[in-house]
């Protein structure tokens, strides 16, 4: 039996993974801004603890971790799932929109991770699964600011992986592609309020495609949730784990593109050494 600590557990991937973990007999600390949304979804269960948590609050993160340990005695799997998206050109995004996105997607992840890690270090065991994205590996027009938050998640995950593996704690960046969830709804994806017509053919076109793709994404969220729950039992998990054929294709395309850059520019690249 494991104890999961899941952020953003009221809907989407978080709710699906929480449900599967409960069904297999694990303990689940399911967090959301409103604890009532958790109990409305899952009811009252002995192995479920619903905790109110706004991940942007370091104080709330510490208190939720304290309550989780008081209830179950350990935290074995931290799933940093809370987050949302922003569509629009980089120039179109206001400072307020950028800061709001980073407060949840990056600083929120750090708040919760710092709150949970002291106990994992005492245990000398644990899993941290950070939900990244296909956009955490390659960025594209229209999602530049959002992708930058997921690039940050990738960098933090790689560093944490190196720092914590000697302590028996494994860290993985989970990289889902486009899955048929509500992520492209207004509840999870904001659109920059500023619109610059010069970007109509790039970021503007992405705004339109995002709307048409909603609920037509290729990935099955139930299969994803099952794979993530099973992945938590992997003995030696990798530092990053892509999910979805679109993510695999994007990674392969970027590898090819980067290899072409190195091949063309190698002489210039290595010419700067002493």
Protein backbone atom coordinates (compact mmCIF):
# COMPACT_ATOMS: atom_id res chain seq x y z
CA UNK A 1 0.00 0.00 0.00
CA UNK A 2 1.29 3.42 -0.99
CA UNK A 3 0.23 6.86 0.11
CA UNK A 4 -0.25 9.32 -2.75
CA UNK A 5 -0.22 13.10 -2.44
CA UNK A 6 -1.92 14.53 -5.54
CA UNK A 7 -2.34 18.20 -6.40
CA UNK A 8 -5.13 19.33 -8.68
CA UNK A 9 -7.11 16.19 -7.84
CA UNK A 10 -10.62 17.51 -8.33
CA UNK A 11 -10.72 16.86 -12.10
CA UNK A 12 -8.71 15.83 -15.15
CA UNK A 13 -5.65 13.63 -14.79
CA UNK A 14 -5.49 14.21 -11.04
CA UNK A 15 -8.99 12.90 -10.40
CA UNK A 16 -8.54 9.89 -12.66
CA UNK A 17 -5.25 8.90 -11.04
CA UNK A 18 -6.67 9.41 -7.55
CA UNK A 19 -9.63 7.16 -8.41
CA UNK A 20 -7.39 4.35 -9.69
CA UNK A 21 -5.05 4.60 -6.71
CA UNK A 22 -8.03 4.32 -4.35
CA UNK A 23 -9.42 1.36 -6.28
CA UNK A 24 -6.20 -0.58 -5.87
CA UNK A 25 -6.22 0.04 -2.11
CA UNK A 26 -3.72 2.87 -1.79
CA UNK A 27 -4.14 5.84 0.51
CA UNK A 28 -4.71 9.12 -1.29
CA UNK A 29 -4.24 12.66 -0.11
CA UNK A 30 -6.25 14.47 -2.78
CA UNK A 31 -5.82 18.22 -2.82
CA UNK A 32 -7.62 21.05 -4.54
CA UNK A 33 -8.40 24.67 -3.83
CA UNK A 34 -11.67 23.45 -2.30
CA UNK A 35 -11.60 20.23 -0.28
CA UNK A 36 -15.34 19.98 -0.85
CA UNK A 37 -14.80 19.38 -4.55
CA UNK A 38 -12.84 16.24 -3.62
CA UNK A 39 -15.49 14.80 -1.32
CA UNK A 40 -18.19 15.70 -3.84
CA UNK A 41 -16.31 13.58 -6.37
CA UNK A 42 -15.14 10.65 -4.25
CA UNK A 43 -17.29 10.74 -1.12
CA UNK A 44 -15.99 9.91 2.36
CA UNK A 45 -13.50 7.04 2.46
CA UNK A 46 -11.15 5.74 5.12
CA UNK A 47 -8.20 5.74 2.73
CA UNK A 48 -8.94 9.22 1.33
CA UNK A 49 -7.96 12.53 2.87
CA UNK A 50 -9.29 15.62 1.11
CA UNK A 51 -7.11 18.65 1.76
CA UNK A 52 -7.64 22.25 0.74
CA UNK A 53 -4.53 23.46 -1.07
CA UNK A 54 -3.79 26.43 -3.24
CA UNK A 55 -0.32 25.42 -4.45
CA UNK A 56 0.71 29.06 -4.77
CA UNK A 57 0.69 29.27 -0.95
CA UNK A 58 3.82 27.84 0.66
CA UNK A 59 2.09 27.91 4.05
CA UNK A 60 -0.86 25.86 2.76
CA UNK A 61 1.53 23.36 1.14
CA UNK A 62 3.36 22.80 4.42
CA UNK A 63 0.10 22.44 6.31
CA UNK A 64 -1.34 19.95 3.81
CA UNK A 65 1.83 17.85 4.04
CA UNK A 66 1.68 17.96 7.85
CA UNK A 67 -1.96 16.83 7.84
CA UNK A 68 -1.18 14.06 5.35
CA UNK A 69 1.58 12.69 7.56
CA UNK A 70 -0.63 12.95 10.62
CA UNK A 71 -3.35 10.96 8.83
CA UNK A 72 -1.30 8.27 7.04
CA UNK A 73 2.22 8.44 8.50
CA UNK A 74 4.08 8.68 5.18
CA UNK A 75 3.96 10.11 1.67
CA UNK A 76 5.25 7.65 -0.90
CA UNK A 77 4.22 9.25 -4.20
CA UNK A 78 3.95 12.97 -4.86
CA UNK A 79 2.10 13.78 -8.06
CA UNK A 80 2.57 17.44 -8.94
CA UNK A 81 -0.37 17.76 -11.27
CA UNK A 82 -1.89 21.19 -10.58
CA UNK A 83 -1.46 23.60 -13.46
CA UNK A 84 -3.13 25.38 -16.34
CA UNK A 85 -2.30 26.68 -19.81
CA UNK A 86 -2.08 29.99 -21.64
CA UNK A 87 -2.48 30.39 -25.38
CA UNK A 88 -1.26 33.45 -27.24
CA UNK A 89 1.93 34.87 -28.69
CA UNK A 90 4.73 35.64 -26.25
CA UNK A 91 4.43 39.37 -26.93
CA UNK A 92 0.67 39.22 -26.40
CA UNK A 93 1.00 37.85 -22.85
CA UNK A 94 0.80 40.49 -20.14
CA UNK A 95 3.13 40.50 -17.15
CA UNK A 96 0.16 39.61 -14.95
CA UNK A 97 -0.74 36.60 -17.15
CA UNK A 98 2.86 35.35 -17.17
CA UNK A 99 3.29 35.75 -13.41
CA UNK A 100 -0.01 33.99 -12.69
CA UNK A 101 1.02 31.04 -14.85
CA UNK A 102 4.42 30.74 -13.19
CA UNK A 103 2.95 31.02 -9.68
CA UNK A 104 0.98 27.81 -10.25
CA UNK A 105 2.95 25.78 -12.79
CA UNK A 106 6.45 26.41 -11.40
CA UNK A 107 6.43 28.07 -7.98
CA UNK A 108 3.45 25.97 -6.90
CA UNK A 109 5.29 22.78 -7.84
CA UNK A 110 8.29 23.99 -5.85
CA UNK A 111 6.14 24.85 -2.82
CA UNK A 112 4.62 21.38 -2.63
CA UNK A 113 7.87 19.56 -3.40
CA UNK A 114 9.72 21.43 -0.64
CA UNK A 115 6.88 20.64 1.77
CA UNK A 116 7.00 16.89 1.08
CA UNK A 117 10.72 16.26 0.63
CA UNK A 118 11.78 16.43 4.30
CA UNK A 119 9.66 13.36 5.10
CA UNK A 120 10.82 11.50 1.99
CA UNK A 121 14.43 12.15 2.97
CA UNK A 122 13.75 10.75 6.44
CA UNK A 123 12.13 7.68 4.84
CA UNK A 124 14.98 7.40 2.30
CA UNK A 125 12.30 6.52 -0.22
CA UNK A 126 9.64 8.11 -2.39
CA UNK A 127 8.53 8.97 -5.91
CA UNK A 128 7.99 12.44 -7.31
CA UNK A 129 6.05 12.58 -10.57
CA UNK A 130 6.00 16.05 -12.09
CA UNK A 131 3.41 16.55 -14.80
CA UNK A 132 5.21 18.26 -17.66
CA UNK A 133 3.94 18.20 -21.24
CA UNK A 134 4.80 17.61 -24.85
CA UNK A 135 5.42 21.36 -24.58
CA UNK A 136 8.09 20.75 -21.97
CA UNK A 137 10.29 19.15 -24.62
CA UNK A 138 9.57 21.37 -27.59
CA UNK A 139 7.91 24.75 -27.75
CA UNK A 140 5.68 26.12 -30.48
CA UNK A 141 3.94 29.28 -31.58
CA UNK A 142 0.98 30.21 -29.44
CA UNK A 143 2.09 28.29 -26.37
CA UNK A 144 5.46 29.93 -25.71
CA UNK A 145 4.84 31.13 -22.16
CA UNK A 146 3.08 27.92 -21.16
CA UNK A 147 5.90 25.84 -22.68
CA UNK A 148 8.46 27.90 -20.79
CA UNK A 149 6.83 26.85 -17.50
CA UNK A 150 7.04 23.21 -18.55
CA UNK A 151 10.67 23.65 -19.67
CA UNK A 152 11.24 24.84 -16.08
CA UNK A 153 9.51 21.70 -14.76
CA UNK A 154 11.82 19.58 -16.93
CA UNK A 155 14.94 21.35 -15.63
CA UNK A 156 13.84 21.08 -12.02
CA UNK A 157 12.99 17.41 -12.49
CA UNK A 158 16.39 16.62 -13.98
CA UNK A 159 18.20 18.38 -11.13
CA UNK A 160 16.01 16.78 -8.47
CA UNK A 161 16.58 13.38 -10.10
CA UNK A 162 20.35 13.81 -9.69
CA UNK A 163 20.13 15.22 -6.17
CA UNK A 164 17.65 12.73 -4.73
CA UNK A 165 18.47 9.41 -6.40
CA UNK A 166 21.32 8.71 -3.90
CA UNK A 167 18.73 9.14 -1.13
CA UNK A 168 16.39 6.53 -2.60
CA UNK A 169 13.94 9.09 -4.01
CA UNK A 170 13.12 8.90 -7.72
CA UNK A 171 11.96 11.91 -9.75
CA UNK A 172 10.38 11.75 -13.20
CA UNK A 173 8.97 14.39 -15.54
CA UNK A 174 5.78 12.95 -17.00
CA UNK A 175 5.28 14.23 -20.57
CA UNK A 176 1.72 13.73 -21.85
CA UNK A 177 0.78 14.79 -25.35
CA UNK A 178 -2.73 15.83 -26.30
CA UNK A 179 -5.22 13.77 -24.30
CA UNK A 180 -8.99 14.01 -24.42
CA UNK A 181 -9.47 15.92 -21.18
CA UNK A 182 -10.82 19.39 -20.42
CA UNK A 183 -7.37 20.97 -20.70
CA UNK A 184 -8.36 22.97 -23.78
CA UNK A 185 -11.53 24.25 -22.07
CA UNK A 186 -11.56 27.74 -20.60
CA UNK A 187 -11.45 26.14 -17.13
CA UNK A 188 -7.87 24.98 -17.79
CA UNK A 189 -6.64 27.03 -20.74
CA UNK A 190 -6.61 30.81 -20.66
CA UNK A 191 -6.25 32.94 -23.77
CA UNK A 192 -4.16 36.06 -23.60
CA UNK A 193 -6.44 39.07 -23.49
CA UNK A 194 -4.23 40.98 -25.89
CA UNK A 195 -4.49 40.18 -29.61
CA UNK A 196 -1.93 41.42 -32.15
CA UNK A 197 -2.97 40.89 -35.77
CA UNK A 198 0.61 40.42 -36.97
CA UNK A 199 0.48 37.01 -35.26
CA UNK A 200 -2.73 35.84 -36.93
CA UNK A 201 -0.83 33.35 -39.11
CA UNK A 202 1.13 31.80 -36.23
CA UNK A 203 -0.08 32.16 -32.64
CA UNK A 204 -3.49 33.33 -33.84
CA UNK A 205 -3.92 30.20 -35.93
CA UNK A 206 -2.98 28.11 -32.89
CA UNK A 207 -5.75 29.78 -30.90
CA UNK A 208 -8.24 28.60 -33.50
CA UNK A 209 -6.81 25.09 -33.74
CA UNK A 210 -6.90 24.69 -29.96
CA UNK A 211 -10.64 25.30 -29.99
CA UNK A 212 -11.24 22.80 -32.80
CA UNK A 213 -9.00 20.17 -31.17
CA UNK A 214 -10.85 20.31 -27.85
CA UNK A 215 -12.30 16.87 -27.03
CA UNK A 216 -10.85 15.51 -30.29
CA UNK A 217 -7.36 14.88 -28.93
CA UNK A 218 -5.77 11.51 -29.81
CA UNK A 219 -4.84 10.39 -26.30
CA UNK A 220 -7.06 8.29 -24.04
CA UNK A 221 -6.92 9.81 -20.52
CA UNK A 222 -8.05 6.58 -18.83
CA UNK A 223 -5.17 4.63 -20.38
CA UNK A 224 -2.79 7.41 -19.37
CA UNK A 225 -4.01 7.32 -15.75
CA UNK A 226 -3.61 3.53 -15.58
CA UNK A 227 -0.08 3.76 -16.94
CA UNK A 228 0.91 6.47 -14.44
CA UNK A 229 -0.40 4.47 -11.49
CA UNK A 230 1.50 1.39 -12.70
CA UNK A 231 4.58 3.52 -13.38
CA UNK A 232 4.73 4.46 -9.69
CA UNK A 233 5.80 0.86 -8.98
CA UNK A 234 8.72 0.88 -11.44
CA UNK A 235 11.98 -0.03 -9.68
CA UNK A 236 14.25 2.29 -11.67
CA UNK A 237 12.07 4.93 -13.31
CA UNK A 238 13.61 7.17 -15.99
CA UNK A 239 14.12 10.89 -15.49
CA UNK A 240 11.44 11.62 -18.11
CA UNK A 241 8.57 9.52 -19.39
CA UNK A 242 6.69 10.50 -22.56
CA UNK A 243 3.08 9.41 -23.04
CA UNK A 244 1.25 9.55 -26.36
CA UNK A 245 2.29 8.88 -29.93
CA UNK A 246 2.29 12.63 -30.58
CA UNK A 247 4.84 13.19 -27.81
CA UNK A 248 7.08 10.44 -29.14
CA UNK A 249 6.87 11.93 -32.64
CA UNK A 250 7.69 15.41 -31.32
CA UNK A 251 10.74 14.13 -29.42
CA UNK A 252 12.01 12.22 -32.46
CA UNK A 253 11.52 15.28 -34.69
CA UNK A 254 13.41 17.50 -32.27
CA UNK A 255 16.27 14.99 -32.04
CA UNK A 256 16.52 15.01 -35.84
CA UNK A 257 16.41 18.80 -36.01
CA UNK A 258 19.05 19.20 -33.30
CA UNK A 259 21.29 16.64 -34.99
CA UNK A 260 21.04 18.65 -38.22
CA UNK A 261 22.03 21.84 -36.39
CA UNK A 262 25.08 20.18 -34.87
CA UNK A 263 26.10 18.67 -38.19
CA UNK A 264 25.88 22.06 -39.94
CA UNK A 265 27.39 24.20 -37.22
CA UNK A 266 29.80 21.81 -35.46
CA UNK A 267 32.95 23.65 -36.57
CA UNK A 268 31.63 26.94 -35.24
CA UNK A 269 30.38 25.33 -32.03
CA UNK A 270 33.70 23.72 -31.10
CA UNK A 271 35.86 26.63 -32.29
CA UNK A 272 35.37 28.57 -29.04
CA UNK A 273 37.41 26.21 -26.82
CA UNK A 274 40.92 27.19 -25.66
